[in-house]
Amino acid sequence: MRRALILLTLCAAGAWFHFRGEAAPELHPDDPRAATGDDRIVMLAADWCGYCRKQQQDFERAGVRYRVLDIDTPDGDRAMRALGARGVPVTVIGQDVVRGYDTAALDRRLTPLGYRVY
């Protein structure tokens, strides 16, 4: 009887953990996704990066509302580290991260937000 009660308790606990759903992972405070919500856009860039300038021109032409975070500043450096990024541009769109000047990936994520960039 006691074994059956223990087994039943363990099964119930397992079912509770299984069906309750997974909690969203806790983001590091320096991770830009902590501030973007579902639709804000942050681009990690550098003045010396040609692809960053090209992407910024594309965004400006399409009227994309975004914030640039320069990786050569302390805030930008911490954001790069929090994302584990090694190169720029890195674009955070809501909770998605696009690494590099990847026009197809940017288009897939920006179109649902109403932007026609590429």
PDB file of N, CA and C in Angstrom:
ATOM      1  N   MET A   1       0.827  -1.193   0.000  1.00  0.00           N
ATOM      2  CA  MET A   1       0.000   0.000   0.000  1.00  0.00           C
ATOM      3  C   MET A   1       0.873   1.259   0.000  1.00  0.00           C
ATOM      4  N   ARG A   2       1.892   1.261   0.834  1.00  0.00           N
ATOM      5  CA  ARG A   2       2.764   2.416   0.927  1.00  0.00           C
ATOM      6  C   ARG A   2       3.525   2.625  -0.389  1.00  0.00           C
ATOM      7  N   ARG A   3       3.977   1.530  -0.989  1.00  0.00           N
ATOM      8  CA  ARG A   3       4.682   1.620  -2.272  1.00  0.00           C
ATOM      9  C   ARG A   3       3.765   2.187  -3.350  1.00  0.00           C
ATOM     10  N   ALA A   4       2.530   1.742  -3.368  1.00  0.00           N
ATOM     11  CA  ALA A   4       1.576   2.221  -4.358  1.00  0.00           C
ATOM     12  C   ALA A   4       1.345   3.725  -4.191  1.00  0.00           C
ATOM     13  N   LEU A   5       1.264   4.189  -2.949  1.00  0.00           N
ATOM     14  CA  LEU A   5       1.069   5.613  -2.685  1.00  0.00           C
ATOM     15  C   LEU A   5       2.277   6.423  -3.148  1.00  0.00           C
ATOM     16  N   ILE A   6       3.466   5.915  -2.909  1.00  0.00           N
ATOM     17  CA  ILE A   6       4.684   6.602  -3.345  1.00  0.00           C
ATOM     18  C   ILE A   6       4.733   6.648  -4.870  1.00  0.00           C
ATOM     19  N   LEU A   7       4.434   5.531  -5.506  1.00  0.00           N
ATOM     20  CA  LEU A   7       4.435   5.470  -6.956  1.00  0.00           C
ATOM     21  C   LEU A   7       3.404   6.433  -7.553  1.00  0.00           C
ATOM     22  N   LEU A   8       2.227   6.464  -6.975  1.00  0.00           N
ATOM     23  CA  LEU A   8       1.174   7.360  -7.442  1.00  0.00           C
ATOM     24  C   LEU A   8       1.606   8.821  -7.294  1.00  0.00           C
ATOM     25  N   THR A   9       2.246   9.148  -6.195  1.00  0.00           N
ATOM     26  CA  THR A   9       2.726  10.510  -5.958  1.00  0.00           C
ATOM     27  C   THR A   9       3.777  10.896  -6.985  1.00  0.00           C
ATOM     28  N   LEU A  10       4.709   9.981  -7.263  1.00  0.00           N
ATOM     29  CA  LEU A  10       5.744  10.268  -8.251  1.00  0.00           C
ATOM     30  C   LEU A  10       5.144  10.448  -9.649  1.00  0.00           C
ATOM     31  N   CYS A  11       4.186   9.629 -10.004  1.00  0.00           N
ATOM     32  CA  CYS A  11       3.531   9.754 -11.309  1.00  0.00           C
ATOM     33  C   CYS A  11       2.782  11.080 -11.418  1.00  0.00           C
ATOM     34  N   ALA A  12       2.097  11.458 -10.367  1.00  0.00           N
ATOM     35  CA  ALA A  12       1.362  12.722 -10.377  1.00  0.00           C
ATOM     36  C   ALA A  12       2.325  13.901 -10.512  1.00  0.00           C
ATOM     37  N   ALA A  13       3.441  13.841  -9.796  1.00  0.00           N
ATOM     38  CA  ALA A  13       4.433  14.918  -9.884  1.00  0.00           C
ATOM     39  C   ALA A  13       5.012  14.991 -11.294  1.00  0.00           C
ATOM     40  N   GLY A  14       5.313  13.845 -11.873  1.00  0.00           N
ATOM     41  CA  GLY A  14       5.840  13.818 -13.238  1.00  0.00           C
ATOM     42  C   GLY A  14       4.846  14.384 -14.226  1.00  0.00           C
ATOM     43  N   ALA A  15       3.591  14.031 -14.083  1.00  0.00           N
ATOM     44  CA  ALA A  15       2.558  14.547 -14.978  1.00  0.00           C
ATOM     45  C   ALA A  15       2.422  16.056 -14.822  1.00  0.00           C
ATOM     46  N   TRP A  16       2.493  16.546 -13.591  1.00  0.00           N
ATOM     47  CA  TRP A  16       2.387  17.980 -13.364  1.00  0.00           C
ATOM     48  C   TRP A  16       3.520  18.718 -14.074  1.00  0.00           C
ATOM     49  N   PHE A  17       4.754  18.227 -13.939  1.00  0.00           N
ATOM     50  CA  PHE A  17       5.886  18.871 -14.600  1.00  0.00           C
ATOM     51  C   PHE A  17       5.757  18.777 -16.111  1.00  0.00           C
ATOM     52  N   HIS A  18       5.247  17.670 -16.610  1.00  0.00           N
ATOM     53  CA  HIS A  18       5.123  17.487 -18.054  1.00  0.00           C
ATOM     54  C   HIS A  18       4.065  18.410 -18.655  1.00  0.00           C
ATOM     55  N   PHE A  19       2.923  18.531 -18.040  1.00  0.00           N
ATOM     56  CA  PHE A  19       1.813  19.274 -18.623  1.00  0.00           C
ATOM     57  C   PHE A  19       1.779  20.755 -18.277  1.00  0.00           C
ATOM     58  N   ARG A  20       2.588  21.182 -17.344  1.00  0.00           N
ATOM     59  CA  ARG A  20       2.559  22.596 -16.963  1.00  0.00           C
ATOM     60  C   ARG A  20       3.240  23.471 -18.002  1.00  0.00           C
ATOM     61  N   GLY A  21       4.005  22.894 -18.896  1.00  0.00           N
ATOM     62  CA  GLY A  21       4.705  23.664 -19.920  1.00  0.00           C
ATOM     63  C   GLY A  21       6.039  24.147 -19.383  1.00  0.00           C
ATOM     64  N   GLU A  22       6.900  24.442 -20.267  1.00  0.00           N
ATOM     65  CA  GLU A  22       8.226  24.902 -19.882  1.00  0.00           C
ATOM     66  C   GLU A  22       8.221  26.414 -19.708  1.00  0.00           C
ATOM     67  N   ALA A  23       8.875  26.881 -18.685  1.00  0.00           N
ATOM     68  CA  ALA A  23       9.008  28.318 -18.478  1.00  0.00           C
ATOM     69  C   ALA A  23      10.039  28.859 -19.464  1.00  0.00           C
ATOM     70  N   ALA A  24       9.866  30.103 -19.861  1.00  0.00           N
ATOM     71  CA  ALA A  24      10.837  30.727 -20.757  1.00  0.00           C
ATOM     72  C   ALA A  24      12.173  30.825 -20.039  1.00  0.00           C
ATOM     73  N   PRO A  25      13.253  30.573 -20.752  1.00  0.00           N
ATOM     74  CA  PRO A  25      14.554  30.644 -20.092  1.00  0.00           C
ATOM     75  C   PRO A  25      14.839  32.059 -19.614  1.00  0.00           C
ATOM     76  N   GLU A  26      15.475  32.152 -18.492  1.00  0.00           N
ATOM     77  CA  GLU A  26      15.838  33.451 -17.924  1.00  0.00           C
ATOM     78  C   GLU A  26      16.968  34.051 -18.748  1.00  0.00           C
ATOM     79  N   LEU A  27      16.780  35.275 -19.216  1.00  0.00           N
ATOM     80  CA  LEU A  27      17.786  35.933 -20.029  1.00  0.00           C
ATOM     81  C   LEU A  27      18.725  36.743 -19.147  1.00  0.00           C
ATOM     82  N   HIS A  28      19.971  36.794 -19.550  1.00  0.00           N
ATOM     83  CA  HIS A  28      20.959  37.627 -18.870  1.00  0.00           C
ATOM     84  C   HIS A  28      20.545  39.090 -19.055  1.00  0.00           C
ATOM     85  N   PRO A  29      20.701  39.936 -18.055  1.00  0.00           N
ATOM     86  CA  PRO A  29      20.271  41.347 -18.168  1.00  0.00           C
ATOM     87  C   PRO A  29      20.919  42.104 -19.335  1.00  0.00           C
ATOM     88  N   ASP A  30      22.113  41.686 -19.766  1.00  0.00           N
ATOM     89  CA  ASP A  30      22.778  42.356 -20.884  1.00  0.00           C
ATOM     90  C   ASP A  30      22.306  41.843 -22.243  1.00  0.00           C
ATOM     91  N   ASP A  31      21.509  40.777 -22.254  1.00  0.00           N
ATOM     92  CA  ASP A  31      20.998  40.219 -23.497  1.00  0.00           C
ATOM     93  C   ASP A  31      19.923  41.158 -24.046  1.00  0.00           C
ATOM     94  N   PRO A  32      20.073  41.651 -25.285  1.00  0.00           N
ATOM     95  CA  PRO A  32      19.081  42.583 -25.848  1.00  0.00           C
ATOM     96  C   PRO A  32      17.667  42.018 -25.889  1.00  0.00           C
ATOM     97  N   ARG A  33      17.516  40.690 -25.937  1.00  0.00           N
ATOM     98  CA  ARG A  33      16.179  40.095 -25.975  1.00  0.00           C
ATOM     99  C   ARG A  33      15.397  40.385 -24.701  1.00  0.00           C
ATOM    100  N   ALA A  34      16.091  40.717 -23.617  1.00  0.00           N
ATOM    101  CA  ALA A  34      15.413  41.037 -22.367  1.00  0.00           C
ATOM    102  C   ALA A  34      14.605  42.331 -22.490  1.00  0.00           C
ATOM    103  N   ALA A  35      14.950  43.178 -23.462  1.00  0.00           N
ATOM    104  CA  ALA A  35      14.269  44.469 -23.615  1.00  0.00           C
ATOM    105  C   ALA A  35      13.477  44.586 -24.908  1.00  0.00           C
ATOM    106  N   THR A  36      13.522  43.584 -25.789  1.00  0.00           N
ATOM    107  CA  THR A  36      12.869  43.742 -27.084  1.00  0.00           C
ATOM    108  C   THR A  36      11.422  43.300 -27.106  1.00  0.00           C
ATOM    109  N   GLY A  37      11.000  42.518 -26.123  1.00  0.00           N
ATOM    110  CA  GLY A  37       9.628  42.023 -26.156  1.00  0.00           C
ATOM    111  C   GLY A  37       9.434  41.131 -27.364  1.00  0.00           C
ATOM    112  N   ASP A  38       8.280  41.248 -28.018  1.00  0.00           N
ATOM    113  CA  ASP A  38       7.996  40.409 -29.181  1.00  0.00           C
ATOM    114  C   ASP A  38       8.229  41.102 -30.510  1.00  0.00           C
ATOM    115  N   ASP A  39       8.383  42.432 -30.497  1.00  0.00           N
ATOM    116  CA  ASP A  39       8.443  43.107 -31.794  1.00  0.00           C
ATOM    117  C   ASP A  39       9.484  44.215 -31.923  1.00  0.00           C
ATOM    118  N   ARG A  40      10.213  44.535 -30.882  1.00  0.00           N
ATOM    119  CA  ARG A  40      11.218  45.586 -31.016  1.00  0.00           C
ATOM    120  C   ARG A  40      12.488  45.024 -31.643  1.00  0.00           C
ATOM    121  N   ILE A  41      13.258  45.910 -32.246  1.00  0.00           N
ATOM    122  CA  ILE A  41      14.419  45.498 -33.023  1.00  0.00           C
ATOM    123  C   ILE A  41      15.657  46.232 -32.522  1.00  0.00           C
ATOM    124  N   VAL A  42      16.720  45.468 -32.284  1.00  0.00           N
ATOM    125  CA  VAL A  42      18.008  46.025 -31.886  1.00  0.00           C
ATOM    126  C   VAL A  42      19.056  45.432 -32.813  1.00  0.00           C
ATOM    127  N   MET A  43      19.886  46.309 -33.355  1.00  0.00           N
ATOM    128  CA  MET A  43      20.968  45.858 -34.233  1.00  0.00           C
ATOM    129  C   MET A  43      22.293  46.145 -33.552  1.00  0.00           C
ATOM    130  N   LEU A  44      23.079  45.111 -33.337  1.00  0.00           N
ATOM    131  CA  LEU A  44      24.426  45.273 -32.817  1.00  0.00           C
ATOM    132  C   LEU A  44      25.332  45.476 -34.011  1.00  0.00           C
ATOM    133  N   ALA A  45      26.059  46.590 -34.020  1.00  0.00           N
ATOM    134  CA  ALA A  45      26.822  46.972 -35.196  1.00  0.00           C
ATOM    135  C   ALA A  45      28.102  47.681 -34.784  1.00  0.00           C
ATOM    136  N   ALA A  46      28.934  47.957 -35.790  1.00  0.00           N
ATOM    137  CA  ALA A  46      30.166  48.718 -35.586  1.00  0.00           C
ATOM    138  C   ALA A  46      30.326  49.697 -36.742  1.00  0.00           C
ATOM    139  N   ASP A  47      30.914  50.849 -36.450  1.00  0.00           N
ATOM    140  CA  ASP A  47      31.127  51.872 -37.483  1.00  0.00           C
ATOM    141  C   ASP A  47      32.010  51.351 -38.609  1.00  0.00           C
ATOM    142  N   TRP A  48      32.943  50.473 -38.298  1.00  0.00           N
ATOM    143  CA  TRP A  48      33.897  49.974 -39.275  1.00  0.00           C
ATOM    144  C   TRP A  48      33.352  48.812 -40.130  1.00  0.00           C
ATOM    145  N   CYS A  49      32.116  48.394 -39.883  1.00  0.00           N
ATOM    146  CA  CYS A  49      31.544  47.218 -40.555  1.00  0.00           C
ATOM    147  C   CYS A  49      30.725  47.630 -41.779  1.00  0.00           C
ATOM    148  N   GLY A  50      31.178  47.233 -42.970  1.00  0.00           N
ATOM    149  CA  GLY A  50      30.473  47.548 -44.207  1.00  0.00           C
ATOM    150  C   GLY A  50      29.096  46.907 -44.286  1.00  0.00           C
ATOM    151  N   TYR A  51      28.965  45.653 -43.841  1.00  0.00           N
ATOM    152  CA  TYR A  51      27.656  44.997 -43.864  1.00  0.00           C
ATOM    153  C   TYR A  51      26.681  45.670 -42.899  1.00  0.00           C
ATOM    154  N   CYS A  52      27.195  46.175 -41.789  1.00  0.00           N
ATOM    155  CA  CYS A  52      26.336  46.902 -40.840  1.00  0.00           C
ATOM    156  C   CYS A  52      25.787  48.163 -41.504  1.00  0.00           C
ATOM    157  N   ARG A  53      26.645  48.899 -42.179  1.00  0.00           N
ATOM    158  CA  ARG A  53      26.201  50.114 -42.864  1.00  0.00           C
ATOM    159  C   ARG A  53      25.171  49.790 -43.942  1.00  0.00           C
ATOM    160  N   LYS A  54      25.400  48.719 -44.695  1.00  0.00           N
ATOM    161  CA  LYS A  54      24.454  48.333 -45.748  1.00  0.00           C
ATOM    162  C   LYS A  54      23.106  47.972 -45.141  1.00  0.00           C
ATOM    163  N   GLN A  55      23.118  47.198 -44.057  1.00  0.00           N
ATOM    164  CA  GLN A  55      21.855  46.818 -43.413  1.00  0.00           C
ATOM    165  C   GLN A  55      21.147  48.043 -42.840  1.00  0.00           C
ATOM    166  N   GLN A  56      21.884  48.960 -42.263  1.00  0.00           N
ATOM    167  CA  GLN A  56      21.278  50.178 -41.741  1.00  0.00           C
ATOM    168  C   GLN A  56      20.634  50.992 -42.865  1.00  0.00           C
ATOM    169  N   GLN A  57      21.294  51.065 -44.020  1.00  0.00           N
ATOM    170  CA  GLN A  57      20.716  51.767 -45.169  1.00  0.00           C
ATOM    171  C   GLN A  57      19.425  51.085 -45.624  1.00  0.00           C
ATOM    172  N   ASP A  58      19.440  49.756 -45.668  1.00  0.00           N
ATOM    173  CA  ASP A  58      18.233  49.003 -46.045  1.00  0.00           C
ATOM    174  C   ASP A  58      17.100  49.293 -45.066  1.00  0.00           C
ATOM    175  N   PHE A  59      17.415  49.281 -43.771  1.00  0.00           N
ATOM    176  CA  PHE A  59      16.401  49.530 -42.743  1.00  0.00           C
ATOM    177  C   PHE A  59      15.857  50.950 -42.851  1.00  0.00           C
ATOM    178  N   GLU A  60      16.732  51.917 -43.060  1.00  0.00           N
ATOM    179  CA  GLU A  60      16.303  53.312 -43.175  1.00  0.00           C
ATOM    180  C   GLU A  60      15.379  53.487 -44.386  1.00  0.00           C
ATOM    181  N   ARG A  61      15.765  52.898 -45.504  1.00  0.00           N
ATOM    182  CA  ARG A  61      14.974  52.998 -46.734  1.00  0.00           C
ATOM    183  C   ARG A  61      13.585  52.391 -46.547  1.00  0.00           C
ATOM    184  N   ALA A  62      13.497  51.316 -45.748  1.00  0.00           N
ATOM    185  CA  ALA A  62      12.217  50.626 -45.543  1.00  0.00           C
ATOM    186  C   ALA A  62      11.441  51.165 -44.337  1.00  0.00           C
ATOM    187  N   GLY A  63      12.007  52.140 -43.630  1.00  0.00           N
ATOM    188  CA  GLY A  63      11.309  52.713 -42.488  1.00  0.00           C
ATOM    189  C   GLY A  63      11.250  51.806 -41.269  1.00  0.00           C
ATOM    190  N   VAL A  64      12.219  50.906 -41.145  1.00  0.00           N
ATOM    191  CA  VAL A  64      12.254  49.996 -39.992  1.00  0.00           C
ATOM    192  C   VAL A  64      12.613  50.795 -38.743  1.00  0.00           C
ATOM    193  N   ARG A  65      11.809  50.617 -37.715  1.00  0.00           N
ATOM    194  CA  ARG A  65      12.095  51.263 -36.426  1.00  0.00           C
ATOM    195  C   ARG A  65      12.986  50.323 -35.627  1.00  0.00           C
ATOM    196  N   TYR A  66      14.218  50.756 -35.383  1.00  0.00           N
ATOM    197  CA  TYR A  66      15.187  49.912 -34.694  1.00  0.00           C
ATOM    198  C   TYR A  66      16.157  50.783 -33.909  1.00  0.00           C
ATOM    199  N   ARG A  67      16.886  50.132 -33.046  1.00  0.00           N
ATOM    200  CA  ARG A  67      17.903  50.797 -32.237  1.00  0.00           C
ATOM    201  C   ARG A  67      19.246  50.173 -32.571  1.00  0.00           C
ATOM    202  N   VAL A  68      20.273  50.980 -32.711  1.00  0.00           N
ATOM    203  CA  VAL A  68      21.623  50.479 -32.959  1.00  0.00           C
ATOM    204  C   VAL A  68      22.382  50.481 -31.644  1.00  0.00           C
ATOM    205  N   LEU A  69      23.060  49.383 -31.387  1.00  0.00           N
ATOM    206  CA  LEU A  69      23.917  49.256 -30.218  1.00  0.00           C
ATOM    207  C   LEU A  69      25.330  49.010 -30.731  1.00  0.00           C
ATOM    208  N   ASP A  70      26.209  49.996 -30.537  1.00  0.00           N
ATOM    209  CA  ASP A  70      27.581  49.926 -31.038  1.00  0.00           C
ATOM    210  C   ASP A  70      28.378  48.955 -30.168  1.00  0.00           C
ATOM    211  N   ILE A  71      28.972  47.952 -30.813  1.00  0.00           N
ATOM    212  CA  ILE A  71      29.698  46.928 -30.044  1.00  0.00           C
ATOM    213  C   ILE A  71      31.011  47.445 -29.483  1.00  0.00           C
ATOM    214  N   ASP A  72      31.448  48.619 -29.934  1.00  0.00           N
ATOM    215  CA  ASP A  72      32.675  49.197 -29.414  1.00  0.00           C
ATOM    216  C   ASP A  72      32.436  50.048 -28.171  1.00  0.00           C
ATOM    217  N   THR A  73      31.228  49.976 -27.628  1.00  0.00           N
ATOM    218  CA  THR A  73      30.911  50.618 -26.357  1.00  0.00           C
ATOM    219  C   THR A  73      30.768  49.524 -25.299  1.00  0.00           C
ATOM    220  N   PRO A  74      30.866  49.879 -24.027  1.00  0.00           N
ATOM    221  CA  PRO A  74      30.696  48.848 -22.983  1.00  0.00           C
ATOM    222  C   PRO A  74      29.347  48.132 -23.062  1.00  0.00           C
ATOM    223  N   ASP A  75      28.251  48.868 -23.315  1.00  0.00           N
ATOM    224  CA  ASP A  75      26.928  48.225 -23.420  1.00  0.00           C
ATOM    225  C   ASP A  75      26.878  47.253 -24.593  1.00  0.00           C
ATOM    226  N   GLY A  76      27.418  47.662 -25.722  1.00  0.00           N
ATOM    227  CA  GLY A  76      27.424  46.812 -26.900  1.00  0.00           C
ATOM    228  C   GLY A  76      28.281  45.571 -26.713  1.00  0.00           C
ATOM    229  N   ASP A  77      29.420  45.749 -26.066  1.00  0.00           N
ATOM    230  CA  ASP A  77      30.306  44.610 -25.794  1.00  0.00           C
ATOM    231  C   ASP A  77      29.616  43.595 -24.881  1.00  0.00           C
ATOM    232  N   ARG A  78      28.939  44.089 -23.859  1.00  0.00           N
ATOM    233  CA  ARG A  78      28.225  43.173 -22.945  1.00  0.00           C
ATOM    234  C   ARG A  78      27.093  42.448 -23.669  1.00  0.00           C
ATOM    235  N   ALA A  79      26.406  43.150 -24.567  1.00  0.00           N
ATOM    236  CA  ALA A  79      25.329  42.519 -25.331  1.00  0.00           C
ATOM    237  C   ALA A  79      25.887  41.418 -26.230  1.00  0.00           C
ATOM    238  N   MET A  80      27.019  41.676 -26.879  1.00  0.00           N
ATOM    239  CA  MET A  80      27.648  40.661 -27.726  1.00  0.00           C
ATOM    240  C   MET A  80      28.004  39.428 -26.910  1.00  0.00           C
ATOM    241  N   ARG A  81      28.579  39.654 -25.745  1.00  0.00           N
ATOM    242  CA  ARG A  81      28.959  38.522 -24.881  1.00  0.00           C
ATOM    243  C   ARG A  81      27.729  37.744 -24.423  1.00  0.00           C
ATOM    244  N   ALA A  82      26.660  38.455 -24.065  1.00  0.00           N
ATOM    245  CA  ALA A  82      25.442  37.794 -23.584  1.00  0.00           C
ATOM    246  C   ALA A  82      24.823  36.929 -24.680  1.00  0.00           C
ATOM    247  N   LEU A  83      24.954  37.344 -25.934  1.00  0.00           N
ATOM    248  CA  LEU A  83      24.418  36.577 -27.056  1.00  0.00           C
ATOM    249  C   LEU A  83      25.395  35.511 -27.554  1.00  0.00           C
ATOM    250  N   GLY A  84      26.630  35.575 -27.094  1.00  0.00           N
ATOM    251  CA  GLY A  84      27.634  34.642 -27.583  1.00  0.00           C
ATOM    252  C   GLY A  84      28.020  34.926 -29.023  1.00  0.00           C
ATOM    253  N   ALA A  85      27.869  36.179 -29.441  1.00  0.00           N
ATOM    254  CA  ALA A  85      28.137  36.562 -30.823  1.00  0.00           C
ATOM    255  C   ALA A  85      29.619  36.884 -31.004  1.00  0.00           C
ATOM    256  N   ARG A  86      30.095  36.618 -32.204  1.00  0.00           N
ATOM    257  CA  ARG A  86      31.502  36.870 -32.508  1.00  0.00           C
ATOM    258  C   ARG A  86      31.698  37.856 -33.654  1.00  0.00           C
ATOM    259  N   GLY A  87      30.649  38.131 -34.411  1.00  0.00           N
ATOM    260  CA  GLY A  87      30.754  39.053 -35.538  1.00  0.00           C
ATOM    261  C   GLY A  87      29.505  39.903 -35.653  1.00  0.00           C
ATOM    262  N   VAL A  88      29.589  40.928 -36.472  1.00  0.00           N
ATOM    263  CA  VAL A  88      28.459  41.822 -36.682  1.00  0.00           C
ATOM    264  C   VAL A  88      28.117  41.861 -38.156  1.00  0.00           C
ATOM    265  N   PRO A  89      26.922  42.262 -38.517  1.00  0.00           N
ATOM    266  CA  PRO A  89      25.836  42.669 -37.626  1.00  0.00           C
ATOM    267  C   PRO A  89      25.153  41.479 -36.966  1.00  0.00           C
ATOM    268  N   VAL A  90      24.580  41.755 -35.803  1.00  0.00           N
ATOM    269  CA  VAL A  90      23.691  40.823 -35.115  1.00  0.00           C
ATOM    270  C   VAL A  90      22.402  41.599 -34.882  1.00  0.00           C
ATOM    271  N   THR A  91      21.299  41.059 -35.365  1.00  0.00           N
ATOM    272  CA  THR A  91      20.025  41.763 -35.265  1.00  0.00           C
ATOM    273  C   THR A  91      19.074  40.956 -34.409  1.00  0.00           C
ATOM    274  N   VAL A  92      18.569  41.589 -33.355  1.00  0.00           N
ATOM    275  CA  VAL A  92      17.600  40.964 -32.465  1.00  0.00           C
ATOM    276  C   VAL A  92      16.234  41.513 -32.845  1.00  0.00           C
ATOM    277  N   ILE A  93      15.357  40.613 -33.281  1.00  0.00           N
ATOM    278  CA  ILE A  93      14.001  40.983 -33.682  1.00  0.00           C
ATOM    279  C   ILE A  93      13.072  40.240 -32.745  1.00  0.00           C
ATOM    280  N   GLY A  94      12.508  40.963 -31.788  1.00  0.00           N
ATOM    281  CA  GLY A  94      11.726  40.289 -30.755  1.00  0.00           C
ATOM    282  C   GLY A  94      12.637  39.351 -29.988  1.00  0.00           C
ATOM    283  N   GLN A  95      12.352  38.064 -30.029  1.00  0.00           N
ATOM    284  CA  GLN A  95      13.178  37.084 -29.333  1.00  0.00           C
ATOM    285  C   GLN A  95      14.060  36.285 -30.288  1.00  0.00           C
ATOM    286  N   ASP A  96      14.048  36.654 -31.576  1.00  0.00           N
ATOM    287  CA  ASP A  96      14.863  35.977 -32.579  1.00  0.00           C
ATOM    288  C   ASP A  96      16.172  36.719 -32.791  1.00  0.00           C
ATOM    289  N   VAL A  97      17.227  35.975 -33.066  1.00  0.00           N
ATOM    290  CA  VAL A  97      18.540  36.556 -33.320  1.00  0.00           C
ATOM    291  C   VAL A  97      18.967  36.169 -34.732  1.00  0.00           C
ATOM    292  N   VAL A  98      19.285  37.189 -35.540  1.00  0.00           N
ATOM    293  CA  VAL A  98      19.803  36.966 -36.886  1.00  0.00           C
ATOM    294  C   VAL A  98      21.268  37.373 -36.872  1.00  0.00           C
ATOM    295  N   ARG A  99      22.123  36.425 -37.192  1.00  0.00           N
ATOM    296  CA  ARG A  99      23.569  36.677 -37.187  1.00  0.00           C
ATOM    297  C   ARG A  99      24.044  36.927 -38.611  1.00  0.00           C
ATOM    298  N   GLY A 100      24.745  38.029 -38.785  1.00  0.00           N
ATOM    299  CA  GLY A 100      25.261  38.385 -40.097  1.00  0.00           C
ATOM    300  C   GLY A 100      24.243  39.138 -40.929  1.00  0.00           C
ATOM    301  N   TYR A 101      24.675  39.521 -42.122  1.00  0.00           N
ATOM    302  CA  TYR A 101      23.805  40.232 -43.067  1.00  0.00           C
ATOM    303  C   TYR A 101      23.069  39.174 -43.880  1.00  0.00           C
ATOM    304  N   ASP A 102      22.072  38.574 -43.266  1.00  0.00           N
ATOM    305  CA  ASP A 102      21.309  37.467 -43.846  1.00  0.00           C
ATOM    306  C   ASP A 102      19.942  38.011 -44.267  1.00  0.00           C
ATOM    307  N   THR A 103      19.850  38.458 -45.517  1.00  0.00           N
ATOM    308  CA  THR A 103      18.638  39.138 -45.971  1.00  0.00           C
ATOM    309  C   THR A 103      17.409  38.233 -45.938  1.00  0.00           C
ATOM    310  N   ALA A 104      17.580  36.954 -46.230  1.00  0.00           N
ATOM    311  CA  ALA A 104      16.424  36.034 -46.210  1.00  0.00           C
ATOM    312  C   ALA A 104      15.895  35.873 -44.785  1.00  0.00           C
ATOM    313  N   ALA A 105      16.791  35.689 -43.829  1.00  0.00           N
ATOM    314  CA  ALA A 105      16.363  35.534 -42.429  1.00  0.00           C
ATOM    315  C   ALA A 105      15.744  36.826 -41.907  1.00  0.00           C
ATOM    316  N   LEU A 106      16.325  37.960 -42.260  1.00  0.00           N
ATOM    317  CA  LEU A 106      15.767  39.246 -41.836  1.00  0.00           C
ATOM    318  C   LEU A 106      14.373  39.436 -42.426  1.00  0.00           C
ATOM    319  N   ASP A 107      14.221  39.114 -43.697  1.00  0.00           N
ATOM    320  CA  ASP A 107      12.929  39.265 -44.362  1.00  0.00           C
ATOM    321  C   ASP A 107      11.859  38.385 -43.701  1.00  0.00           C
ATOM    322  N   ARG A 108      12.219  37.132 -43.382  1.00  0.00           N
ATOM    323  CA  ARG A 108      11.248  36.228 -42.730  1.00  0.00           C
ATOM    324  C   ARG A 108      10.762  36.775 -41.394  1.00  0.00           C
ATOM    325  N   ARG A 109      11.637  37.448 -40.683  1.00  0.00           N
ATOM    326  CA  ARG A 109      11.263  37.941 -39.355  1.00  0.00           C
ATOM    327  C   ARG A 109      10.652  39.333 -39.382  1.00  0.00           C
ATOM    328  N   LEU A 110      10.992  40.134 -40.395  1.00  0.00           N
ATOM    329  CA  LEU A 110      10.473  41.504 -40.479  1.00  0.00           C
ATOM    330  C   LEU A 110       9.121  41.590 -41.179  1.00  0.00           C
ATOM    331  N   THR A 111       8.851  40.700 -42.109  1.00  0.00           N
ATOM    332  CA  THR A 111       7.584  40.729 -42.844  1.00  0.00           C
ATOM    333  C   THR A 111       6.371  40.640 -41.917  1.00  0.00           C
ATOM    334  N   PRO A 112       6.354  39.719 -40.925  1.00  0.00           N
ATOM    335  CA  PRO A 112       5.193  39.682 -40.026  1.00  0.00           C
ATOM    336  C   PRO A 112       4.998  40.971 -39.211  1.00  0.00           C
ATOM    337  N   LEU A 113       6.063  41.772 -39.103  1.00  0.00           N
ATOM    338  CA  LEU A 113       5.961  43.037 -38.369  1.00  0.00           C
ATOM    339  C   LEU A 113       5.540  44.181 -39.292  1.00  0.00           C
ATOM    340  N   GLY A 114       5.307  43.873 -40.561  1.00  0.00           N
ATOM    341  CA  GLY A 114       4.818  44.887 -41.500  1.00  0.00           C
ATOM    342  C   GLY A 114       5.891  45.590 -42.287  1.00  0.00           C
ATOM    343  N   TYR A 115       7.129  45.109 -42.256  1.00  0.00           N
ATOM    344  CA  TYR A 115       8.215  45.747 -42.994  1.00  0.00           C
ATOM    345  C   TYR A 115       8.508  44.983 -44.270  1.00  0.00           C
ATOM    346  N   ARG A 116       8.746  45.745 -45.349  1.00  0.00           N
ATOM    347  CA  ARG A 116       9.173  45.167 -46.637  1.00  0.00           C
ATOM    348  C   ARG A 116      10.552  45.730 -46.922  1.00  0.00           C
ATOM    349  N   VAL A 117      11.578  44.981 -46.551  1.00  0.00           N
ATOM    350  CA  VAL A 117      12.937  45.481 -46.675  1.00  0.00           C
ATOM    351  C   VAL A 117      13.624  44.912 -47.905  1.00  0.00           C
ATOM    352  N   TYR A 118      13.508  43.601 -48.122  1.00  0.00           N
ATOM    353  CA  TYR A 118      14.281  42.944 -49.192  1.00  0.00           C
ATOM    354  C   TYR A 118      13.386  42.386 -50.249  1.00  0.00           C
TER     355      TYR A 118
END
